[in-house]
Amino acid sequence: NLFYLKYYLQYYEKTSQEDSYAAFVNYIWREKISGKSTCNGINIERDKCFLQIVNDRMKHSEFFLDESNYDARALHALLADEIVGRTENGIFITHDIYEEWGACRIIEREWNRRKGIQTFFQNIGSSYVVRRTFRQWLVEKLNGNPVHESQEILDAVSNNSILPVWRDEIIVSILL
């Protein structure tokens, strides 16, 4: 993927060969999405604003969003760094990969807050963006996390209280 290659080459000096893909994504997130500046907490506001944009995309499946729904200062910073774009139709996320990274963070946050597997699936929704990102998130989760977390997800395949679409997504993720 040329998008990754561009960032890899740009930040090669600052990364270690032992760094994982997750470490690379976290580094790029801090550099591009949150931003380098921490003045007046703008990095935190950018992060929150961007995740809110991603969450709204996940829930409403609309490409363009109304910019008045977001923090103006943080949104302006995201626009200046071309993380988000603007047209007369509204704002949009400039690269799918930014949206995927944000959606993975949202899914991970919901996973960490879960009260149960059924509630987890209810909380993340079932839009196309969510399902696509869930597969990616689950593959990473199965490849690198403790067995007890993975087992809870795998047990959902035989749990009839989980919607069939999620049982299918889990099976597809296992096959990837």
Protein backbone atom coordinates (compact mmCIF):
# COMPACT_ATOMS: atom_id res chain seq x y z
CA ASN A 1 0.00 0.00 0.00
CA LEU A 2 1.59 3.27 -1.13
CA PHE A 3 -0.11 5.19 1.68
CA TYR A 4 1.76 3.12 4.27
CA LEU A 5 4.98 3.30 2.30
CA LYS A 6 4.86 7.09 2.25
CA TYR A 7 4.52 7.23 6.05
CA TYR A 8 7.03 4.46 6.61
CA LEU A 9 9.65 6.29 4.58
CA GLN A 10 8.77 9.61 6.18
CA TYR A 11 9.09 8.28 9.74
CA TYR A 12 11.63 5.50 9.18
CA GLU A 13 14.32 7.24 11.23
CA LYS A 14 11.98 7.56 14.21
CA THR A 15 10.80 3.96 14.30
CA SER A 16 12.54 0.78 15.33
CA GLN A 17 12.73 -2.34 13.20
CA GLU A 18 11.26 -4.22 16.16
CA ASP A 19 8.18 -2.00 16.21
CA SER A 20 4.92 -3.75 15.47
CA TYR A 21 2.28 -2.58 13.04
CA ALA A 22 0.28 -1.32 16.04
CA ALA A 23 3.26 0.73 17.24
CA PHE A 24 3.64 2.19 13.75
CA VAL A 25 -0.06 3.13 13.63
CA ASN A 26 0.14 4.69 17.11
CA TYR A 27 3.15 6.73 16.06
CA ILE A 28 1.42 8.00 12.91
CA TRP A 29 -1.73 8.69 14.95
CA ARG A 30 0.26 10.88 17.35
CA GLU A 31 2.00 12.65 14.47
CA LYS A 32 -0.96 13.19 12.13
CA ILE A 33 -4.31 12.78 13.88
CA SER A 34 -3.62 14.06 17.39
CA GLY A 35 -0.90 16.32 16.08
CA LYS A 36 2.46 17.23 17.52
CA SER A 37 1.30 20.35 19.32
CA THR A 38 0.08 19.93 22.88
CA CYS A 39 -0.54 23.68 23.40
CA ASN A 40 -3.80 24.22 25.28
CA GLY A 41 -4.65 20.55 24.87
CA ILE A 42 -5.21 20.81 21.11
CA ASN A 43 -3.86 17.29 20.62
CA ILE A 44 -6.56 15.91 22.94
CA GLU A 45 -9.25 18.00 21.26
CA ARG A 46 -8.13 16.88 17.78
CA ASP A 47 -8.22 13.26 18.90
CA LYS A 48 -11.70 13.62 20.40
CA CYS A 49 -13.02 15.54 17.40
CA PHE A 50 -11.67 13.05 14.90
CA LEU A 51 -13.04 10.06 16.83
CA GLN A 52 -16.42 11.80 17.00
CA ILE A 53 -16.34 12.26 13.21
CA VAL A 54 -15.44 8.59 12.73
CA ASN A 55 -18.14 7.51 15.17
CA ASP A 56 -20.74 9.58 13.31
CA ARG A 57 -19.62 8.01 10.00
CA MET A 58 -19.94 4.57 11.58
CA LYS A 59 -23.42 5.25 12.90
CA HIS A 60 -24.92 7.15 9.98
CA SER A 61 -22.93 5.81 7.00
CA GLU A 62 -22.90 9.30 5.50
CA PHE A 63 -19.82 10.45 3.61
CA PHE A 64 -20.36 14.16 4.30
CA LEU A 65 -21.01 15.42 7.81
CA ASP A 66 -22.19 18.78 9.15
CA GLU A 67 -19.15 20.61 10.52
CA SER A 68 -21.25 22.55 13.05
CA ASN A 69 -21.45 19.33 15.12
CA TYR A 70 -17.74 19.43 15.99
CA ASP A 71 -15.33 21.55 18.00
CA ALA A 72 -14.34 24.41 15.66
CA ARG A 73 -10.73 24.76 16.85
CA ALA A 74 -9.98 21.04 16.64
CA LEU A 75 -11.76 20.73 13.30
CA HIS A 76 -9.78 23.65 11.89
CA ALA A 77 -6.53 21.93 12.92
CA LEU A 78 -7.66 18.66 11.29
CA LEU A 79 -8.58 20.56 8.13
CA ALA A 80 -5.21 22.36 8.09
CA ASP A 81 -3.38 19.01 8.27
CA GLU A 82 -5.65 17.50 5.60
CA ILE A 83 -6.97 14.75 7.87
CA VAL A 84 -10.44 16.06 7.13
CA GLY A 85 -11.57 17.87 3.98
CA ARG A 86 -14.40 20.30 3.33
CA THR A 87 -16.76 20.89 0.41
CA GLU A 88 -20.08 22.68 0.13
CA ASN A 89 -21.67 19.33 1.07
CA GLY A 90 -19.88 19.13 4.42
CA ILE A 91 -16.73 17.67 5.90
CA PHE A 92 -15.26 14.26 5.09
CA ILE A 93 -12.33 12.07 6.13
CA THR A 94 -9.62 12.41 3.50
CA HIS A 95 -8.23 8.85 3.61
CA ASP A 96 -9.96 5.54 4.31
CA ILE A 97 -7.00 4.44 6.39
CA TYR A 98 -7.54 7.30 8.86
CA GLU A 99 -11.14 6.20 9.21
CA GLU A 100 -10.09 2.56 9.74
CA TRP A 101 -7.57 3.54 12.42
CA GLY A 102 -10.19 5.66 14.17
CA ALA A 103 -12.82 2.94 13.93
CA CYS A 104 -10.35 0.39 15.35
CA ARG A 105 -9.75 2.73 18.30
CA ILE A 106 -13.49 3.08 18.87
CA ILE A 107 -14.03 -0.69 18.71
CA GLU A 108 -11.09 -1.27 21.09
CA ARG A 109 -12.50 1.33 23.50
CA GLU A 110 -15.89 -0.40 23.45
CA TRP A 111 -14.21 -3.76 23.95
CA ASN A 112 -12.38 -2.45 27.02
CA ARG A 113 -15.65 -1.02 28.42
CA ARG A 114 -17.80 -4.06 27.67
CA LYS A 115 -20.14 -5.49 30.26
CA GLY A 116 -20.70 -8.56 28.12
CA ILE A 117 -20.20 -9.76 24.57
CA GLN A 118 -23.81 -9.12 23.54
CA THR A 119 -23.68 -5.52 24.82
CA PHE A 120 -20.36 -5.01 23.05
CA PHE A 121 -21.94 -5.85 19.69
CA GLN A 122 -24.98 -3.69 20.42
CA ASN A 123 -22.76 -0.73 21.32
CA ILE A 124 -20.60 -0.80 18.20
CA GLY A 125 -23.54 -1.04 15.78
CA SER A 126 -23.53 -3.04 12.58
CA SER A 127 -22.91 -0.65 9.69
CA TYR A 128 -20.65 -1.71 6.84
CA VAL A 129 -17.81 0.45 8.19
CA VAL A 130 -18.12 -1.18 11.62
CA ARG A 131 -18.20 -4.73 10.25
CA ARG A 132 -15.24 -4.15 7.94
CA THR A 133 -13.21 -2.60 10.75
CA PHE A 134 -14.30 -5.26 13.22
CA ARG A 135 -12.76 -7.95 11.00
CA GLN A 136 -9.47 -6.08 10.91
CA TRP A 137 -9.58 -5.43 14.65
CA LEU A 138 -10.38 -9.06 15.43
CA VAL A 139 -7.57 -10.42 13.27
CA GLU A 140 -5.13 -8.19 15.18
CA LYS A 141 -6.73 -9.18 18.49
CA LEU A 142 -6.47 -12.90 17.75
CA ASN A 143 -2.86 -12.58 16.63
CA GLY A 144 -1.53 -10.70 19.59
CA ASN A 145 -3.64 -10.75 22.72
CA PRO A 146 -4.23 -12.93 25.74
CA VAL A 147 -6.12 -16.16 25.23
CA HIS A 148 -8.97 -15.24 27.60
CA GLU A 149 -9.93 -12.20 25.47
CA SER A 150 -9.75 -14.18 22.26
CA GLN A 151 -11.73 -17.01 23.79
CA GLU A 152 -14.58 -14.70 24.76
CA ILE A 153 -14.90 -13.57 21.15
CA LEU A 154 -14.62 -17.11 19.79
CA ASP A 155 -17.32 -18.30 22.21
CA ALA A 156 -19.70 -15.78 20.60
CA VAL A 157 -19.81 -17.97 17.47
CA SER A 158 -21.92 -20.51 19.32
CA ASN A 159 -23.92 -17.92 21.30
CA ASN A 160 -27.42 -17.70 19.84
CA SER A 161 -28.06 -14.36 21.56
CA ILE A 162 -25.45 -12.79 19.25
CA LEU A 163 -26.82 -11.66 15.89
CA PRO A 164 -25.92 -14.03 13.04
CA VAL A 165 -24.11 -11.24 11.18
CA TRP A 166 -21.58 -11.01 14.04
CA ARG A 167 -21.13 -14.76 14.25
CA ASP A 168 -20.41 -14.71 10.49
CA GLU A 169 -17.95 -11.82 10.88
CA ILE A 170 -16.08 -13.73 13.59
CA ILE A 171 -15.81 -16.81 11.38
CA VAL A 172 -14.62 -14.73 8.41
CA SER A 173 -12.01 -13.07 10.65
CA ILE A 174 -10.72 -16.44 11.80
CA LEU A 175 -10.34 -17.53 8.18
CA LEU A 176 -8.38 -14.40 7.25
